[in-house]
Structure formats: structure tokens, C-alpha cells
Protein backbone atom coordinates (compact mmCIF):
# COMPACT_ATOMS: atom_id res chain seq x y z
CA UNK A 1 0.00 0.00 0.00
CA UNK A 2 1.38 3.39 -0.85
CA UNK A 3 -1.33 5.93 -1.62
CA UNK A 4 -2.24 8.95 0.46
CA UNK A 5 -5.71 10.45 0.68
CA UNK A 6 -4.56 13.49 2.54
CA UNK A 7 -5.28 16.42 0.29
CA UNK A 8 -6.89 17.79 -2.84
CA UNK A 9 -3.91 18.07 -5.16
CA UNK A 10 -5.46 15.54 -7.57
CA UNK A 11 -8.72 16.09 -9.41
CA UNK A 12 -11.09 13.16 -8.74
CA UNK A 13 -11.88 12.55 -12.41
CA UNK A 14 -13.15 9.07 -11.58
CA UNK A 15 -15.40 10.28 -8.76
CA UNK A 16 -14.98 9.74 -5.03
CA UNK A 17 -16.74 6.45 -4.33
CA UNK A 18 -17.12 3.08 -5.99
CA UNK A 19 -20.79 2.34 -6.66
CA UNK A 20 -20.02 -1.41 -6.65
CA UNK A 21 -22.38 -2.73 -9.35
CA UNK A 22 -23.36 -6.29 -8.50
CA UNK A 23 -23.38 -7.79 -11.96
CA UNK A 24 -20.49 -9.10 -13.99
CA UNK A 25 -19.05 -7.07 -16.83
CA UNK A 26 -21.84 -6.18 -19.25
CA UNK A 27 -21.62 -8.14 -22.48
CA UNK A 28 -20.69 -4.99 -24.39
CA UNK A 29 -17.56 -4.65 -22.24
CA UNK A 30 -16.77 -8.34 -21.84
CA UNK A 31 -16.66 -8.69 -25.63
CA UNK A 32 -14.93 -5.39 -26.29
CA UNK A 33 -11.78 -5.68 -28.38
CA UNK A 34 -9.69 -3.90 -25.72
CA UNK A 35 -10.77 -6.35 -23.04
CA UNK A 36 -9.97 -9.30 -25.28
CA UNK A 37 -6.62 -7.75 -26.25
CA UNK A 38 -5.60 -7.70 -22.58
CA UNK A 39 -4.86 -11.41 -22.73
CA UNK A 40 -3.25 -11.61 -26.17
CA UNK A 41 0.25 -13.04 -26.06
CA UNK A 42 -0.06 -14.06 -22.40
CA UNK A 43 -0.32 -17.54 -20.93
CA UNK A 44 -3.20 -16.74 -18.59
CA UNK A 45 -2.40 -19.77 -16.43
CA UNK A 46 0.74 -17.90 -15.37
CA UNK A 47 -0.94 -14.63 -14.29
CA UNK A 48 -0.76 -14.34 -10.52
CA UNK A 49 -1.47 -11.02 -8.81
CA UNK A 50 1.41 -10.98 -6.32
CA UNK A 51 0.14 -8.03 -4.26
CA UNK A 52 -3.46 -8.50 -3.11
CA UNK A 53 -4.48 -7.36 0.37
CA UNK A 54 -7.00 -9.48 2.26
CA UNK A 55 -9.10 -6.72 3.78
CA UNK A 56 -11.55 -7.16 6.65
CA UNK A 57 -12.65 -5.84 10.03
CA UNK A 58 -12.57 -9.00 12.14
CA UNK A 59 -16.35 -9.47 12.35
CA UNK A 60 -16.05 -13.16 11.53
CA UNK A 61 -13.64 -15.82 12.75
CA UNK A 62 -10.90 -14.39 10.52
CA UNK A 63 -8.77 -13.01 13.34
CA UNK A 64 -8.29 -9.75 11.42
CA UNK A 65 -7.49 -6.87 13.76
CA UNK A 66 -7.74 -3.14 13.05
CA UNK A 67 -6.22 -0.38 15.10
CA UNK A 68 -9.22 1.38 16.72
CA UNK A 69 -7.87 4.70 15.41
CA UNK A 70 -8.83 3.57 11.90
CA UNK A 71 -12.50 3.61 12.92
CA UNK A 72 -12.47 6.57 15.31
CA UNK A 73 -13.84 10.06 14.74
CA UNK A 74 -10.95 11.27 16.90
CA UNK A 75 -8.60 10.29 14.07
CA UNK A 76 -10.43 11.60 11.00
CA UNK A 77 -7.63 11.04 8.48
CA UNK A 78 -7.22 7.38 9.35
CA UNK A 79 -11.01 6.95 9.46
CA UNK A 80 -11.41 8.48 5.99
CA UNK A 81 -8.62 6.32 4.59
CA UNK A 82 -10.21 3.17 5.96
CA UNK A 83 -13.65 4.15 4.62
CA UNK A 84 -12.13 4.50 1.15
CA UNK A 85 -10.46 1.08 1.37
CA UNK A 86 -13.67 -0.54 2.59
CA UNK A 87 -15.65 1.10 -0.20
CA UNK A 88 -13.06 -0.06 -2.73
CA UNK A 89 -13.53 -3.66 -1.58
CA UNK A 90 -17.35 -3.40 -1.95
CA UNK A 91 -17.58 -5.58 1.17
CA UNK A 92 -20.55 -3.69 2.61
CA UNK A 93 -22.74 -4.39 -0.41
CA UNK A 94 -22.06 -8.09 -0.67
CA UNK A 95 -24.85 -10.51 0.18
CA UNK A 96 -22.96 -11.94 3.15
CA UNK A 97 -23.39 -11.92 6.91
CA UNK A 98 -20.07 -10.23 7.67
CA UNK A 99 -17.78 -7.63 6.14
CA UNK A 100 -14.92 -10.12 6.17
CA UNK A 101 -16.95 -12.54 4.08
CA UNK A 102 -18.09 -9.72 1.82
CA UNK A 103 -14.52 -8.73 1.00
CA UNK A 104 -13.65 -12.29 -0.01
CA UNK A 105 -16.88 -12.69 -1.96
CA UNK A 106 -16.11 -9.56 -3.97
CA UNK A 107 -12.75 -11.02 -5.01
CA UNK A 108 -14.48 -14.23 -6.05
CA UNK A 109 -17.16 -12.33 -7.97
CA UNK A 110 -14.75 -10.26 -10.03
CA UNK A 111 -12.64 -13.35 -10.65
CA UNK A 112 -15.46 -14.65 -12.87
CA UNK A 113 -14.48 -12.01 -15.45
CA UNK A 114 -10.86 -13.18 -15.41
CA UNK A 115 -9.45 -16.13 -17.36
CA UNK A 116 -8.98 -19.61 -15.96
CA UNK A 117 -5.66 -19.82 -14.17
CA UNK A 118 -5.57 -16.23 -12.88
CA UNK A 119 -4.99 -16.19 -9.14
CA UNK A 120 -4.78 -13.59 -6.41
CA UNK A 121 -1.94 -13.97 -3.93
CA UNK A 122 -3.53 -13.02 -0.59
CA UNK A 123 -1.24 -11.20 1.82
CA UNK A 124 -0.93 -11.91 5.50
CA UNK A 125 0.18 -8.87 7.49
CA UNK A 126 2.13 -8.99 10.76
CA UNK A 127 1.92 -6.54 13.66
CA UNK A 128 4.38 -3.76 14.43
CA UNK A 129 6.93 -5.25 16.81
CA UNK A 130 9.71 -3.83 18.95
CA UNK A 131 13.33 -4.93 18.71
CA UNK A 132 12.62 -7.82 21.07
CA UNK A 133 9.90 -9.08 18.76
CA UNK A 134 6.99 -8.21 21.03
CA UNK A 135 3.74 -7.00 19.49
CA UNK A 136 2.98 -3.29 19.94
CA UNK A 137 -0.65 -2.83 19.02
CA UNK A 138 -0.57 0.90 19.69
CA UNK A 139 1.81 1.27 16.73
CA UNK A 140 0.21 -1.39 14.52
CA UNK A 141 -2.13 -0.37 11.70
CA UNK A 142 -3.81 -3.74 11.20
CA UNK A 143 -3.13 -7.45 11.34
CA UNK A 144 -4.16 -10.12 8.86
CA UNK A 145 -3.30 -13.54 10.32
CA UNK A 146 -1.38 -15.96 8.16
CA UNK A 147 -3.89 -18.60 9.22
CA UNK A 148 -6.72 -16.61 7.64
CA UNK A 149 -4.92 -16.14 4.32
CA UNK A 150 -4.06 -19.85 4.33
CA UNK A 151 -7.64 -20.84 5.10
CA UNK A 152 -9.00 -18.76 2.22
CA UNK A 153 -6.41 -20.22 -0.17
CA UNK A 154 -7.40 -23.75 0.84
CA UNK A 155 -11.10 -22.95 0.50
CA UNK A 156 -10.71 -21.46 -3.00
CA UNK A 157 -7.66 -23.09 -4.61
CA UNK A 158 -8.63 -22.06 -8.15
CA UNK A 159 -8.70 -18.38 -7.22
CA UNK A 160 -6.24 -17.85 -4.36
CA UNK A 161 -2.63 -18.46 -3.42
CA UNK A 162 -1.23 -16.97 -0.21
CA UNK A 163 1.78 -15.03 1.05
CA UNK A 164 2.74 -15.17 4.71
CA UNK A 165 3.90 -12.20 6.78
CA UNK A 166 6.47 -12.97 9.47
CA UNK A 167 8.35 -10.30 11.40
CA UNK A 168 12.04 -11.30 11.54
CA UNK A 169 12.43 -10.07 15.14
CA UNK A 170 9.96 -12.69 16.40
CA UNK A 171 11.59 -15.26 18.64
CA UNK A 172 9.84 -17.96 16.62
CA UNK A 173 10.41 -16.35 13.20
CA UNK A 174 12.34 -19.21 11.62
CA UNK A 175 9.93 -21.80 13.00
CA UNK A 176 6.98 -19.75 11.71
CA UNK A 177 8.67 -19.63 8.32
CA UNK A 178 8.99 -23.41 8.34
CA UNK A 179 5.26 -23.68 9.09
CA UNK A 180 4.47 -21.30 6.23
CA UNK A 181 6.57 -23.35 3.82
CA UNK A 182 4.87 -26.56 4.98
CA UNK A 183 1.53 -24.90 4.20
CA UNK A 184 2.62 -23.80 0.72
CA UNK A 185 3.09 -20.07 1.31
CA UNK A 186 4.55 -18.63 -1.88
CA UNK A 187 6.50 -15.72 -0.37
CA UNK A 188 6.92 -13.53 2.73
CA UNK A 189 5.49 -10.00 2.94
CA UNK A 190 7.10 -7.08 4.82
CA UNK A 191 6.12 -3.43 5.06
CA UNK A 192 9.15 -2.19 7.02
CA UNK A 193 8.00 1.23 8.21
CA UNK A 194 4.60 -0.11 9.32
CA UNK A 195 5.96 -3.26 10.97
CA UNK A 196 9.13 -1.76 12.47
CA UNK A 197 11.63 -3.79 10.42
CA UNK A 198 15.16 -2.61 9.67
CA UNK A 199 16.19 -4.94 6.85
CA UNK A 200 19.87 -4.19 7.56
CA UNK A 201 19.63 -5.37 11.17
CA UNK A 202 21.77 -8.46 11.98
CA UNK A 203 18.68 -9.82 13.76
CA UNK A 204 17.37 -10.60 10.27
CA UNK A 205 20.30 -12.85 9.30
CA UNK A 206 18.85 -16.14 10.53
CA UNK A 207 15.59 -15.37 8.77
CA UNK A 208 17.43 -14.55 5.55
CA UNK A 209 19.31 -17.84 5.77
CA UNK A 210 15.99 -19.68 6.12
CA UNK A 211 14.50 -17.85 3.13
CA UNK A 212 17.47 -18.97 1.05
CA UNK A 213 17.16 -22.52 2.36
CA UNK A 214 13.55 -22.73 1.21
CA UNK A 215 14.07 -20.54 -1.88
CA UNK A 216 11.18 -18.34 -0.78
CA UNK A 217 11.11 -14.75 -2.09
CA UNK A 218 10.64 -11.71 0.12
CA UNK A 219 7.99 -9.23 -1.06
CA UNK A 220 9.14 -6.00 0.57
CA UNK A 221 7.58 -2.56 0.38
CA UNK A 222 10.15 0.08 -0.59
CA UNK A 223 9.66 3.79 -1.10
CA UNK A 224 7.40 6.09 0.87
CA UNK A 225 4.29 4.65 2.50
CA UNK A 226 1.18 6.80 2.91
CA UNK A 227 -1.74 4.37 2.87
CA UNK A 228 -1.40 3.58 6.58
CA UNK A 229 0.51 5.14 9.45
CA UNK A 230 4.27 4.51 9.55
CA UNK A 231 5.44 4.73 13.19
CA UNK A 232 9.07 4.30 12.10
CA UNK A 233 8.84 7.12 9.55
CA UNK A 234 10.08 6.31 6.05
CA UNK A 235 13.68 5.42 6.92
CA UNK A 236 13.12 1.66 6.89
CA UNK A 237 11.66 1.80 3.36
CA UNK A 238 15.06 2.60 1.82
CA UNK A 239 15.80 0.05 -0.94
CA UNK A 240 19.50 0.03 -0.05
CA UNK A 241 18.75 -1.50 3.36
CA UNK A 242 17.96 -4.70 1.48
CA UNK A 243 21.53 -5.17 0.30
CA UNK A 244 21.90 -7.34 3.39
CA UNK A 245 19.15 -9.68 2.21
CA UNK A 246 20.46 -9.74 -1.35
CA UNK A 247 23.99 -10.48 -0.15
CA UNK A 248 22.60 -13.48 1.73
CA UNK A 249 21.14 -14.72 -1.55
CA UNK A 250 17.50 -13.82 -0.84
CA UNK A 251 15.29 -13.05 -3.82
CA UNK A 252 13.76 -9.68 -2.97
CA UNK A 253 10.67 -8.43 -4.81
CA UNK A 254 10.84 -4.66 -4.36
CA UNK A 255 7.17 -3.66 -4.18
CA UNK A 256 6.06 -0.69 -6.28
CA UNK A 257 9.56 -0.51 -7.83
CA UNK A 258 10.19 2.12 -5.12
CA UNK A 259 8.27 4.75 -7.10
CA UNK A 260 7.51 7.12 -4.20
CA UNK A 261 9.78 9.44 -2.26
CA UNK A 262 13.48 9.76 -1.57
CA UNK A 263 15.91 8.02 0.77
CA UNK A 264 19.44 8.56 1.95
CA UNK A 265 22.11 7.21 -0.38
CA UNK A 266 23.66 4.84 2.15
CA UNK A 267 26.25 3.74 -0.40
CA UNK A 268 27.84 7.15 0.21
CA UNK A 269 27.79 6.83 3.98
CA UNK A 270 25.42 7.79 6.76
CA UNK A 271 25.45 11.42 5.60
CA UNK A 272 24.82 10.60 1.95
CA UNK A 273 22.48 12.79 -0.12
CA UNK A 274 18.79 12.12 -0.57
CA UNK A 275 18.08 10.28 -3.83
CA UNK A 276 14.85 9.20 -5.51
CA UNK A 277 13.95 5.72 -4.29
CA UNK A 278 13.38 4.58 -7.87
CA UNK A 279 16.99 5.49 -8.68
CA UNK A 280 18.20 3.46 -5.70
CA UNK A 281 16.09 0.52 -6.90
CA UNK A 282 17.54 0.95 -10.40
CA UNK A 283 21.05 0.83 -8.94
CA UNK A 284 20.35 -2.53 -7.31
CA UNK A 285 18.78 -3.85 -10.51
CA UNK A 286 21.92 -2.87 -12.44
CA UNK A 287 24.37 -4.77 -10.24
CA UNK A 288 25.38 -8.05 -11.93
CA UNK A 289 25.62 -9.92 -8.63
CA UNK A 290 21.92 -9.25 -8.01
CA UNK A 291 20.75 -10.19 -11.49
CA UNK A 292 18.83 -13.25 -10.28
CA UNK A 293 17.90 -11.80 -6.90
CA UNK A 294 16.59 -8.22 -7.28
CA UNK A 295 13.05 -8.12 -8.65
CA UNK A 296 10.23 -5.56 -8.64
CA UNK A 297 6.45 -5.52 -8.69
CA UNK A 298 4.09 -3.18 -10.51
CA UNK A 299 1.64 -2.63 -7.63
CA UNK A 300 0.38 0.97 -7.47
CA UNK A 301 2.82 2.34 -10.07
CA UNK A 302 -0.07 3.87 -12.03
CA UNK A 303 -1.63 5.81 -9.16
CA UNK A 304 -2.05 9.55 -9.62
CA UNK A 305 0.72 10.28 -7.10
CA UNK A 306 3.37 8.71 -9.36
CA UNK A 307 5.58 11.02 -11.40
CA UNK A 308 5.52 10.68 -15.16
CA UNK A 309 9.28 10.13 -15.45
CA UNK A 310 9.11 7.15 -13.10
CA UNK A 311 6.51 5.33 -15.17
CA UNK A 312 8.49 6.13 -18.29
CA UNK A 313 11.63 4.75 -16.66
CA UNK A 314 9.93 1.44 -15.83
CA UNK A 315 8.43 0.99 -19.29
CA UNK A 316 11.58 2.02 -21.17
CA UNK A 317 13.84 -0.19 -19.02
CA UNK A 318 12.83 -3.31 -20.93
CA UNK A 319 15.92 -5.08 -19.61
CA UNK A 320 14.04 -5.11 -16.28
CA UNK A 321 10.84 -6.62 -17.58
CA UNK A 322 11.72 -10.29 -17.09
CA UNK A 323 12.38 -9.38 -13.44
CA UNK A 324 9.14 -7.44 -12.88
CA UNK A 325 5.99 -9.08 -11.51
CA UNK A 326 2.39 -8.05 -11.92
CA UNK A 327 0.77 -6.80 -8.72
CA UNK A 328 -2.42 -4.77 -8.26
CA UNK A 329 -2.24 -3.62 -4.61
CA UNK A 330 -5.94 -4.49 -4.39
CA UNK A 331 -8.22 -2.99 -3.12
CA UNK A 332 -6.50 0.26 -4.10
CA UNK A 333 -7.50 0.12 -7.80
CA UNK A 334 -11.05 0.47 -6.51
CA UNK A 335 -10.27 3.67 -4.56
CA UNK A 336 -11.76 5.99 -7.13
CA UNK A 337 -9.83 9.28 -6.61
CA UNK A 338 -6.35 7.76 -6.81
CA UNK A 339 -6.40 6.42 -10.38
CA UNK A 340 -7.17 8.29 -13.57
CA UNK A 341 -6.55 6.99 -17.11
CA UNK A 342 -6.77 10.63 -18.23
CA UNK A 343 -3.33 11.22 -16.71
CA UNK A 344 -1.95 8.79 -19.27
CA UNK A 345 -3.87 10.51 -22.04
CA UNK A 346 -2.27 13.81 -21.03
CA UNK A 347 1.15 12.12 -21.03
CA UNK A 348 0.57 10.63 -24.50
CA UNK A 349 0.77 7.10 -23.10
CA UNK A 350 -2.86 6.17 -23.81
CA UNK A 351 -5.43 7.14 -26.48
CA UNK A 352 -8.45 9.00 -25.13
CA UNK A 353 -10.93 6.47 -26.52
CA UNK A 354 -9.15 3.69 -24.63
CA UNK A 355 -9.24 5.69 -21.40
CA UNK A 356 -13.03 5.79 -21.59
CA UNK A 357 -13.25 2.00 -21.91
CA UNK A 358 -10.83 1.54 -19.02
CA UNK A 359 -12.95 3.76 -16.78
CA UNK A 360 -16.08 1.82 -17.70
CA UNK A 361 -14.39 -1.50 -16.89
CA UNK A 362 -13.15 -0.16 -13.57
CA UNK A 363 -16.67 0.29 -12.20
CA UNK A 364 -17.23 -3.45 -12.49
CA UNK A 365 -13.78 -4.93 -12.10
CA UNK A 366 -10.87 -2.91 -10.67
CA UNK A 367 -8.43 -5.81 -11.11
CA UNK A 368 -9.18 -6.09 -14.82
CA UNK A 369 -8.90 -2.30 -15.09
CA UNK A 370 -5.48 -2.41 -13.45
CA UNK A 371 -4.30 -5.13 -15.81
CA UNK A 372 -5.64 -3.35 -18.87
CA UNK A 373 -4.03 -0.03 -17.98
CA UNK A 374 -0.64 -1.64 -17.40
CA UNK A 375 -0.89 -3.55 -20.67
CA UNK A 376 -2.05 -0.58 -22.75
CA UNK A 377 0.19 2.26 -21.55
CA UNK A 378 2.96 2.95 -24.03
CA UNK A 379 6.13 5.08 -24.06
CA UNK A 380 7.97 5.67 -27.35
CA UNK A 381 6.44 2.55 -28.81
CA UNK A 382 7.32 0.37 -25.81
CA UNK A 383 4.97 -1.41 -23.44
CA UNK A 384 5.50 -3.69 -20.48
CA UNK A 385 6.38 -7.12 -21.83
CA UNK A 386 4.04 -10.07 -21.48
CA UNK A 387 6.56 -11.65 -19.10
CA UNK A 388 5.70 -9.01 -16.48
CA UNK A 389 2.22 -10.48 -16.18
CA UNK A 390 3.33 -14.12 -16.22
CA UNK A 391 4.51 -13.92 -12.63
CA UNK A 392 3.73 -17.47 -11.52
CA UNK A 393 7.20 -18.70 -12.50
CA UNK A 394 8.76 -16.66 -9.69
CA UNK A 395 6.81 -18.59 -7.04
CA UNK A 396 6.84 -22.23 -8.08
CA UNK A 397 10.56 -22.98 -7.96
CA UNK A 398 11.73 -25.89 -5.86
CA UNK A 399 13.40 -25.19 -2.51
CA UNK A 400 17.16 -25.22 -2.33
CA UNK A 401 17.84 -27.36 0.73
CA UNK A 402 21.30 -26.55 2.00
CA UNK A 403 23.30 -28.93 4.20
């Protein structure tokens, strides 16, 4: 997650709220040539959305926990943010007994418009923890138990995979990782500033060794985080902090390709200059020793708070494309004010007539909208390669069991 809903610097061309139509895509859209073109040249059995949040409020037996501030009038910004996320998930309008069930049902409903083989990778989400590994709820934004993500993946194996979230400071971190592997978790998710993780801390070394042992990738948020509160500030979201993981041999999927904000250039010392996070990510991608380790995902890169040059950089760097993975950051594509195809029209990356179709699709299916936009946007004749969307191959490798 990386969007902020804190001001009015962006015109809400798509409106403020998702009206959550109940039906599938109308036939006129389902059979539209642009919708059909989305899947041309792609093996749809390989399309896994590697960045899908499992939203809820804990009103079922899910175990989901929300910081009370996110539902308190005393904290209006956090309340507004959460209301947008809940609206984006359409959970309140589902014909289910609980909001938790409604959020899952919405994912299943929109999956019917997607091809056979497409799967969402549901994210667990650990608490904020102190250096001793103890939970600190007062600093935590929310918690999605690994057990819940696993249970949903088992219940709907044709639609869901799952990604565990395990804080490396936990006393039982390596054992929890073993349990996740035994239950077919496909990766581990961290959001450093929100969980209180310094990826360069030696406390992470045993966890990194275990990730290498099981050949499990680490999906790590990098770049500024504005969707939820970051008690640790933005310091821990510096891509360069993950050199430690890469040097251990961990495959790191740098979420969002670090497309927001700036961080200190730690390669030039503790007093190094501030540099765009995308440039720091690009530096890691360029190092030959990380060629098979440093990866990126496309989650949220098309939000209205992304600079034009950053999107151009990602599309034009076609040498990256085999190392980029499709991710939606769902439910954010359903947060109406933070996406606008018209931005891409203004930047000459998308024809205006296509933008209209994309907006129409979005009302019914924000995941399909996200896919279509990322497939259609073009810079100097270049588009994201089909390999970006065929992300399954990064998650089905066999473990490397070391002696």
C-alpha cells in the first residue's frame, strides 16, 4: 500500500466512491476488443497477482485486527482512509453476513471475469513489533493472520494463493517460516515502516538464511508509504537497506519498484544525499551480482501520485521486464480518486478512446482495469512485456535445501 488520501492536489476525475455494481461485466464490455486484447500473447495460467491485500474488520472468525484509530472520529484522516479502502472492496454491499466474508466474496465475484488460471496472492500482514519481537498494538495499523490467508487459499484453490507475513524479530520467526513453507506459502510479505523492520539489522540474518534454504522470495515494500501510518517514519523503506538480504542470496521483490519518495544514499555513507527511491532501486537492478535476486512488482505504479518520469523509466527499461511481476495492490485500484486513465492521455501514453473504456471497466472490475491499464500504456512505442504479467514462475521454484 502506498497511496495517500490526505489532500486535494489531484482532481477526482473518476469520482470519489465506488458504486459497486453487483453484476459481472456487461456483455458490451466483456466482448470489447480492448478487453480481449488484454490477454493476447499471455499464458493466462501464469498470471498471478502478487500483491493483493486481504481486507476485513474482524467481524467473523478471521482473526483480522484493526487499530481502533482507523475507525475513530478522533482520528479523521485514518477513518477516511479506511472508509475508502472498505468502499473499494465493496464488502458492505455483498450478500454476506459479515464484512470479512463480503470482502472475499467480492474477489471471487470479479474473478469470474478473469481467465482460468488467474490467481490472487492473498497477503498476511504482521503486527508492528519492537526490537525484542513483542507486538505493539498501539503502533500497529492492522493485522491479517497468516492462518486466515491460508484458510482462504485452501477454500478457494482455483482463485487464491497466499503469502505469509512474518516479522524477523519474532523469537519464533524461523519456525513460523517453516510452518508457512509446509503450508505452501509462496513468499513472505514485509512493510518495514509499518511493521518496524530494519532490513539491515543483523537480527534478520537467521531469517534470511531460512529464506534462502527454502528458496522463498521476500515481497518488501520500498519507497514512501502513505496508505497507513508509519510509526518508524520512512527510513526503513530505503531500498538500499535490502543489500543485506540480497547479499545473503535472498530473492527480494521490491514492491512498487520504489516509485515514491526519496531516501538517503547509504552507499555514500550515513550522511549521503537524498536520492529518488526509484533510482536506488535501479542501482540494485543494475548490479550483476543481483541479477537473479533483485526483482520488482508493478503494484500501485499507475496511481495519480506517481511522477511521469518514473513510469516512463519502468516501461523504457525493458531489460528489467523479465524481473518485474504483476501486482495490483488491491483494493486500491477500486479507490476511485487515486487512479485516472486521463493522466496517461495527457502524457501521450494512452489514447483517449481507450481511457473511456478503461474507466467503464473499472466500475465493475478494478483488477481487470489495473491489468488493462498496465498492458495498454505505451512510451515511445514500448509497453510492459508479457513476461511481467506471467509472474507465476517466480513462485513455483523448488526449494534449495542446504546442508
